[in-house]
Amino acid sequence: MSIAAISVTNAAIILAVGAIVVGYLAFIVVPACSSYSRLWEKAAAAFLTTFILAGLIVTGVAIGAALVWSYDRWA
């Protein structure tokens, strides 16, 4: 797949996923890991932040589904 074959929608999705990953690492994983000194504590903190990420994703999907479901009432 060449660069020219990427649509605008695919490019937007790729940029959004990149922003999510950078934000997750910068605002959640780095502060959690910098709070501990031992390697196993840092690894545990990094693992436990995946539950925060999962909660944020579930919340976003629920809000998006609610907007799609109720779109005909607002439009």
PDB file of N, CA and C in Angstrom:
ATOM      1  N   MET A   1       0.849  -1.172   0.000  1.00  0.00           N
ATOM      2  CA  MET A   1       0.000   0.000   0.000  1.00  0.00           C
ATOM      3  C   MET A   1       0.893   1.233   0.000  1.00  0.00           C
ATOM      4  N   SER A   2       0.709   2.067  -0.993  1.00  0.00           N
ATOM      5  CA  SER A   2       1.551   3.250  -1.103  1.00  0.00           C
ATOM      6  C   SER A   2       0.944   4.420  -0.341  1.00  0.00           C
ATOM      7  N   ILE A   3       1.726   5.442  -0.168  1.00  0.00           N
ATOM      8  CA  ILE A   3       1.274   6.639   0.541  1.00  0.00           C
ATOM      9  C   ILE A   3       0.108   7.279  -0.212  1.00  0.00           C
ATOM     10  N   ALA A   4       0.141   7.237  -1.524  1.00  0.00           N
ATOM     11  CA  ALA A   4      -0.921   7.856  -2.321  1.00  0.00           C
ATOM     12  C   ALA A   4      -2.247   7.120  -2.171  1.00  0.00           C
ATOM     13  N   ALA A   5      -2.220   5.863  -1.741  1.00  0.00           N
ATOM     14  CA  ALA A   5      -3.442   5.083  -1.611  1.00  0.00           C
ATOM     15  C   ALA A   5      -4.155   5.304  -0.283  1.00  0.00           C
ATOM     16  N   ILE A   6      -3.548   6.066   0.621  1.00  0.00           N
ATOM     17  CA  ILE A   6      -4.165   6.320   1.916  1.00  0.00           C
ATOM     18  C   ILE A   6      -5.192   7.432   1.756  1.00  0.00           C
ATOM     19  N   SER A   7      -6.414   7.155   2.182  1.00  0.00           N
ATOM     20  CA  SER A   7      -7.467   8.160   2.076  1.00  0.00           C
ATOM     21  C   SER A   7      -7.375   9.151   3.230  1.00  0.00           C
ATOM     22  N   VAL A   8      -8.168  10.201   3.123  1.00  0.00           N
ATOM     23  CA  VAL A   8      -8.186  11.216   4.172  1.00  0.00           C
ATOM     24  C   VAL A   8      -8.710  10.613   5.473  1.00  0.00           C
ATOM     25  N   THR A   9      -9.681   9.737   5.387  1.00  0.00           N
ATOM     26  CA  THR A   9     -10.223   9.090   6.581  1.00  0.00           C
ATOM     27  C   THR A   9      -9.169   8.231   7.265  1.00  0.00           C
ATOM     28  N   ASN A  10      -8.441   7.454   6.481  1.00  0.00           N
ATOM     29  CA  ASN A  10      -7.387   6.623   7.065  1.00  0.00           C
ATOM     30  C   ASN A  10      -6.293   7.474   7.690  1.00  0.00           C
ATOM     31  N   ALA A  11      -5.938   8.569   7.050  1.00  0.00           N
ATOM     32  CA  ALA A  11      -4.916   9.454   7.610  1.00  0.00           C
ATOM     33  C   ALA A  11      -5.396  10.062   8.924  1.00  0.00           C
ATOM     34  N   ALA A  12      -6.663  10.451   9.000  1.00  0.00           N
ATOM     35  CA  ALA A  12      -7.209  11.014  10.236  1.00  0.00           C
ATOM     36  C   ALA A  12      -7.223   9.986  11.352  1.00  0.00           C
ATOM     37  N   ILE A  13      -7.560   8.753  11.030  1.00  0.00           N
ATOM     38  CA  ILE A  13      -7.572   7.682  12.033  1.00  0.00           C
ATOM     39  C   ILE A  13      -6.150   7.406  12.521  1.00  0.00           C
ATOM     40  N   ILE A  14      -5.190   7.379  11.616  1.00  0.00           N
ATOM     41  CA  ILE A  14      -3.797   7.146  11.995  1.00  0.00           C
ATOM     42  C   ILE A  14      -3.295   8.266  12.897  1.00  0.00           C
ATOM     43  N   LEU A  15      -3.604   9.511  12.559  1.00  0.00           N
ATOM     44  CA  LEU A  15      -3.190  10.640  13.395  1.00  0.00           C
ATOM     45  C   LEU A  15      -3.867  10.611  14.764  1.00  0.00           C
ATOM     46  N   ALA A  16      -5.145  10.229  14.805  1.00  0.00           N
ATOM     47  CA  ALA A  16      -5.855  10.157  16.085  1.00  0.00           C
ATOM     48  C   ALA A  16      -5.261   9.068  16.980  1.00  0.00           C
ATOM     49  N   VAL A  17      -4.970   7.918  16.419  1.00  0.00           N
ATOM     50  CA  VAL A  17      -4.361   6.838  17.200  1.00  0.00           C
ATOM     51  C   VAL A  17      -2.977   7.261  17.693  1.00  0.00           C
ATOM     52  N   GLY A  18      -2.228   7.944  16.851  1.00  0.00           N
ATOM     53  CA  GLY A  18      -0.920   8.447  17.277  1.00  0.00           C
ATOM     54  C   GLY A  18      -1.036   9.443  18.421  1.00  0.00           C
ATOM     55  N   ALA A  19      -2.027  10.332  18.348  1.00  0.00           N
ATOM     56  CA  ALA A  19      -2.237  11.302  19.425  1.00  0.00           C
ATOM     57  C   ALA A  19      -2.645  10.607  20.715  1.00  0.00           C
ATOM     58  N   ILE A  20      -3.460   9.566  20.604  1.00  0.00           N
ATOM     59  CA  ILE A  20      -3.880   8.814  21.785  1.00  0.00           C
ATOM     60  C   ILE A  20      -2.678   8.128  22.437  1.00  0.00           C
ATOM     61  N   VAL A  21      -1.839   7.509  21.636  1.00  0.00           N
ATOM     62  CA  VAL A  21      -0.671   6.809  22.171  1.00  0.00           C
ATOM     63  C   VAL A  21       0.293   7.793  22.834  1.00  0.00           C
ATOM     64  N   VAL A  22       0.551   8.922  22.177  1.00  0.00           N
ATOM     65  CA  VAL A  22       1.462   9.917  22.751  1.00  0.00           C
ATOM     66  C   VAL A  22       0.883  10.488  24.046  1.00  0.00           C
ATOM     67  N   GLY A  23      -0.402  10.803  24.056  1.00  0.00           N
ATOM     68  CA  GLY A  23      -1.033  11.324  25.264  1.00  0.00           C
ATOM     69  C   GLY A  23      -1.036  10.314  26.395  1.00  0.00           C
ATOM     70  N   TYR A  24      -1.320   9.078  26.068  1.00  0.00           N
ATOM     71  CA  TYR A  24      -1.314   8.010  27.079  1.00  0.00           C
ATOM     72  C   TYR A  24       0.068   7.851  27.703  1.00  0.00           C
ATOM     73  N   LEU A  25       1.082   7.830  26.858  1.00  0.00           N
ATOM     74  CA  LEU A  25       2.443   7.678  27.379  1.00  0.00           C
ATOM     75  C   LEU A  25       2.881   8.904  28.178  1.00  0.00           C
ATOM     76  N   ALA A  26       2.605  10.100  27.654  1.00  0.00           N
ATOM     77  CA  ALA A  26       3.106  11.323  28.293  1.00  0.00           C
ATOM     78  C   ALA A  26       2.355  11.675  29.569  1.00  0.00           C
ATOM     79  N   PHE A  27       1.042  11.463  29.587  1.00  0.00           N
ATOM     80  CA  PHE A  27       0.241  11.944  30.709  1.00  0.00           C
ATOM     81  C   PHE A  27      -0.150  10.865  31.721  1.00  0.00           C
ATOM     82  N   ILE A  28       0.003   9.599  31.356  1.00  0.00           N
ATOM     83  CA  ILE A  28      -0.404   8.537  32.277  1.00  0.00           C
ATOM     84  C   ILE A  28       0.766   7.636  32.644  1.00  0.00           C
ATOM     85  N   VAL A  29       1.462   7.089  31.660  1.00  0.00           N
ATOM     86  CA  VAL A  29       2.511   6.106  31.941  1.00  0.00           C
ATOM     87  C   VAL A  29       3.752   6.755  32.568  1.00  0.00           C
ATOM     88  N   VAL A  30       4.223   7.850  32.004  1.00  0.00           N
ATOM     89  CA  VAL A  30       5.449   8.477  32.521  1.00  0.00           C
ATOM     90  C   VAL A  30       5.287   8.949  33.966  1.00  0.00           C
ATOM     91  N   PRO A  31       4.202   9.656  34.331  1.00  0.00           N
ATOM     92  CA  PRO A  31       4.068  10.028  35.746  1.00  0.00           C
ATOM     93  C   PRO A  31       3.918   8.826  36.677  1.00  0.00           C
ATOM     94  N   ALA A  32       3.226   7.798  36.219  1.00  0.00           N
ATOM     95  CA  ALA A  32       3.062   6.608  37.061  1.00  0.00           C
ATOM     96  C   ALA A  32       4.402   5.912  37.282  1.00  0.00           C
ATOM     97  N   CYS A  33       5.201   5.789  36.250  1.00  0.00           N
ATOM     98  CA  CYS A  33       6.486   5.110  36.380  1.00  0.00           C
ATOM     99  C   CYS A  33       7.515   5.945  37.126  1.00  0.00           C
ATOM    100  N   SER A  34       7.427   7.257  37.007  1.00  0.00           N
ATOM    101  CA  SER A  34       8.409   8.090  37.690  1.00  0.00           C
ATOM    102  C   SER A  34       8.146   8.186  39.191  1.00  0.00           C
ATOM    103  N   SER A  35       7.033   7.664  39.652  1.00  0.00           N
ATOM    104  CA  SER A  35       6.725   7.679  41.076  1.00  0.00           C
ATOM    105  C   SER A  35       7.442   6.571  41.838  1.00  0.00           C
ATOM    106  N   TYR A  36       8.018   5.628  41.123  1.00  0.00           N
ATOM    107  CA  TYR A  36       8.660   4.483  41.765  1.00  0.00           C
ATOM    108  C   TYR A  36      10.114   4.388  41.348  1.00  0.00           C
ATOM    109  N   SER A  37      10.920   3.689  42.170  1.00  0.00           N
ATOM    110  CA  SER A  37      12.345   3.577  41.865  1.00  0.00           C
ATOM    111  C   SER A  37      12.749   2.175  41.405  1.00  0.00           C
ATOM    112  N   ARG A  38      12.109   1.150  41.917  1.00  0.00           N
ATOM    113  CA  ARG A  38      12.477  -0.215  41.524  1.00  0.00           C
ATOM    114  C   ARG A  38      11.851  -0.574  40.182  1.00  0.00           C
ATOM    115  N   LEU A  39      12.564  -1.417  39.445  1.00  0.00           N
ATOM    116  CA  LEU A  39      12.116  -1.783  38.106  1.00  0.00           C
ATOM    117  C   LEU A  39      10.784  -2.518  38.137  1.00  0.00           C
ATOM    118  N   TRP A  40      10.592  -3.434  39.072  1.00  0.00           N
ATOM    119  CA  TRP A  40       9.346  -4.187  39.113  1.00  0.00           C
ATOM    120  C   TRP A  40       8.180  -3.282  39.489  1.00  0.00           C
ATOM    121  N   GLU A  41       8.416  -2.252  40.303  1.00  0.00           N
ATOM    122  CA  GLU A  41       7.349  -1.310  40.635  1.00  0.00           C
ATOM    123  C   GLU A  41       6.965  -0.472  39.421  1.00  0.00           C
ATOM    124  N   LYS A  42       7.967  -0.073  38.643  1.00  0.00           N
ATOM    125  CA  LYS A  42       7.682   0.682  37.420  1.00  0.00           C
ATOM    126  C   LYS A  42       6.912  -0.169  36.412  1.00  0.00           C
ATOM    127  N   ALA A  43       7.294  -1.444  36.301  1.00  0.00           N
ATOM    128  CA  ALA A  43       6.599  -2.344  35.382  1.00  0.00           C
ATOM    129  C   ALA A  43       5.157  -2.570  35.834  1.00  0.00           C
ATOM    130  N   ALA A  44       4.964  -2.722  37.134  1.00  0.00           N
ATOM    131  CA  ALA A  44       3.603  -2.901  37.655  1.00  0.00           C
ATOM    132  C   ALA A  44       2.766  -1.652  37.436  1.00  0.00           C
ATOM    133  N   ALA A  45       3.359  -0.481  37.648  1.00  0.00           N
ATOM    134  CA  ALA A  45       2.631   0.765  37.425  1.00  0.00           C
ATOM    135  C   ALA A  45       2.258   0.922  35.957  1.00  0.00           C
ATOM    136  N   ALA A  46       3.190   0.591  35.063  1.00  0.00           N
ATOM    137  CA  ALA A  46       2.902   0.675  33.630  1.00  0.00           C
ATOM    138  C   ALA A  46       1.797  -0.301  33.244  1.00  0.00           C
ATOM    139  N   PHE A  47       1.818  -1.503  33.820  1.00  0.00           N
ATOM    140  CA  PHE A  47       0.762  -2.479  33.533  1.00  0.00           C
ATOM    141  C   PHE A  47      -0.592  -2.001  34.049  1.00  0.00           C
ATOM    142  N   LEU A  48      -0.617  -1.456  35.252  1.00  0.00           N
ATOM    143  CA  LEU A  48      -1.883  -1.028  35.840  1.00  0.00           C
ATOM    144  C   LEU A  48      -2.483   0.178  35.133  1.00  0.00           C
ATOM    145  N   THR A  49      -1.663   0.959  34.433  1.00  0.00           N
ATOM    146  CA  THR A  49      -2.215   2.079  33.683  1.00  0.00           C
ATOM    147  C   THR A  49      -3.036   1.621  32.487  1.00  0.00           C
ATOM    148  N   THR A  50      -2.871   0.355  32.084  1.00  0.00           N
ATOM    149  CA  THR A  50      -3.695  -0.136  30.981  1.00  0.00           C
ATOM    150  C   THR A  50      -5.175  -0.169  31.367  1.00  0.00           C
ATOM    151  N   PHE A  51      -5.463  -0.295  32.663  1.00  0.00           N
ATOM    152  CA  PHE A  51      -6.857  -0.243  33.092  1.00  0.00           C
ATOM    153  C   PHE A  51      -7.414   1.166  32.955  1.00  0.00           C
ATOM    154  N   ILE A  52      -6.580   2.175  33.173  1.00  0.00           N
ATOM    155  CA  ILE A  52      -7.007   3.552  32.952  1.00  0.00           C
ATOM    156  C   ILE A  52      -7.294   3.760  31.471  1.00  0.00           C
ATOM    157  N   LEU A  53      -6.398   3.265  30.616  1.00  0.00           N
ATOM    158  CA  LEU A  53      -6.601   3.387  29.168  1.00  0.00           C
ATOM    159  C   LEU A  53      -7.878   2.675  28.742  1.00  0.00           C
ATOM    160  N   ALA A  54      -8.109   1.488  29.272  1.00  0.00           N
ATOM    161  CA  ALA A  54      -9.329   0.743  28.921  1.00  0.00           C
ATOM    162  C   ALA A  54     -10.573   1.511  29.360  1.00  0.00           C
ATOM    163  N   GLY A  55     -10.537   2.098  30.542  1.00  0.00           N
ATOM    164  CA  GLY A  55     -11.674   2.884  31.010  1.00  0.00           C
ATOM    165  C   GLY A  55     -11.934   4.095  30.134  1.00  0.00           C
ATOM    166  N   LEU A  56     -10.872   4.764  29.698  1.00  0.00           N
ATOM    167  CA  LEU A  56     -11.040   5.912  28.816  1.00  0.00           C
ATOM    168  C   LEU A  56     -11.601   5.495  27.461  1.00  0.00           C
ATOM    169  N   ILE A  57     -11.133   4.373  26.937  1.00  0.00           N
ATOM    170  CA  ILE A  57     -11.633   3.893  25.646  1.00  0.00           C
ATOM    171  C   ILE A  57     -13.100   3.493  25.758  1.00  0.00           C
ATOM    172  N   VAL A  58     -13.467   2.769  26.820  1.00  0.00           N
ATOM    173  CA  VAL A  58     -14.861   2.358  27.007  1.00  0.00           C
ATOM    174  C   VAL A  58     -15.761   3.584  27.148  1.00  0.00           C
ATOM    175  N   THR A  59     -15.317   4.593  27.885  1.00  0.00           N
ATOM    176  CA  THR A  59     -16.099   5.809  28.047  1.00  0.00           C
ATOM    177  C   THR A  59     -16.274   6.523  26.704  1.00  0.00           C
ATOM    178  N   GLY A  60     -15.214   6.616  25.932  1.00  0.00           N
ATOM    179  CA  GLY A  60     -15.304   7.249  24.614  1.00  0.00           C
ATOM    180  C   GLY A  60     -16.224   6.506  23.668  1.00  0.00           C
ATOM    181  N   VAL A  61     -16.145   5.177  23.686  1.00  0.00           N
ATOM    182  CA  VAL A  61     -17.031   4.374  22.827  1.00  0.00           C
ATOM    183  C   VAL A  61     -18.480   4.534  23.260  1.00  0.00           C
ATOM    184  N   ALA A  62     -18.732   4.578  24.571  1.00  0.00           N
ATOM    185  CA  ALA A  62     -20.101   4.740  25.066  1.00  0.00           C
ATOM    186  C   ALA A  62     -20.667   6.106  24.676  1.00  0.00           C
ATOM    187  N   ILE A  63     -19.863   7.154  24.796  1.00  0.00           N
ATOM    188  CA  ILE A  63     -20.328   8.485  24.400  1.00  0.00           C
ATOM    189  C   ILE A  63     -20.570   8.537  22.891  1.00  0.00           C
ATOM    190  N   GLY A  64     -19.663   7.958  22.116  1.00  0.00           N
ATOM    191  CA  GLY A  64     -19.848   7.918  20.666  1.00  0.00           C
ATOM    192  C   GLY A  64     -21.078   7.125  20.268  1.00  0.00           C
ATOM    193  N   ALA A  65     -21.308   5.990  20.920  1.00  0.00           N
ATOM    194  CA  ALA A  65     -22.497   5.188  20.615  1.00  0.00           C
ATOM    195  C   ALA A  65     -23.776   5.938  20.987  1.00  0.00           C
ATOM    196  N   ALA A  66     -23.748   6.660  22.105  1.00  0.00           N
ATOM    197  CA  ALA A  66     -24.926   7.443  22.500  1.00  0.00           C
ATOM    198  C   ALA A  66     -25.196   8.553  21.502  1.00  0.00           C
ATOM    199  N   LEU A  67     -24.160   9.179  20.990  1.00  0.00           N
ATOM    200  CA  LEU A  67     -24.351  10.230  19.987  1.00  0.00           C
ATOM    201  C   LEU A  67     -24.899   9.665  18.685  1.00  0.00           C
ATOM    202  N   VAL A  68     -24.370   8.536  18.253  1.00  0.00           N
ATOM    203  CA  VAL A  68     -24.864   7.916  17.018  1.00  0.00           C
ATOM    204  C   VAL A  68     -26.300   7.443  17.197  1.00  0.00           C
ATOM    205  N   TRP A  69     -26.615   6.855  18.334  1.00  0.00           N
ATOM    206  CA  TRP A  69     -27.960   6.340  18.581  1.00  0.00           C
ATOM    207  C   TRP A  69     -29.000   7.457  18.640  1.00  0.00           C
ATOM    208  N   SER A  70     -28.618   8.612  19.205  1.00  0.00           N
ATOM    209  CA  SER A  70     -29.583   9.692  19.356  1.00  0.00           C
ATOM    210  C   SER A  70     -29.419  10.777  18.290  1.00  0.00           C
ATOM    211  N   TYR A  71     -28.702  10.507  17.224  1.00  0.00           N
ATOM    212  CA  TYR A  71     -28.448  11.523  16.211  1.00  0.00           C
ATOM    213  C   TYR A  71     -29.727  12.002  15.547  1.00  0.00           C
ATOM    214  N   ASP A  72     -30.662  11.088  15.286  1.00  0.00           N
ATOM    215  CA  ASP A  72     -31.884  11.494  14.588  1.00  0.00           C
ATOM    216  C   ASP A  72     -32.749  12.420  15.429  1.00  0.00           C
ATOM    217  N   ARG A  73     -32.594  12.405  16.728  1.00  0.00           N
ATOM    218  CA  ARG A  73     -33.356  13.323  17.583  1.00  0.00           C
ATOM    219  C   ARG A  73     -32.786  14.727  17.526  1.00  0.00           C
ATOM    220  N   TRP A  74     -31.491  14.864  17.312  1.00  0.00           N
ATOM    221  CA  TRP A  74     -30.836  16.176  17.315  1.00  0.00           C
ATOM    222  C   TRP A  74     -30.768  16.789  15.934  1.00  0.00           C
ATOM    223  N   ALA A  75     -30.740  15.979  14.900  1.00  0.00           N
ATOM    224  CA  ALA A  75     -30.568  16.514  13.543  1.00  0.00           C
ATOM    225  C   ALA A  75     -31.867  16.945  12.921  1.00  0.00           C
TER     226      ALA A  75
END
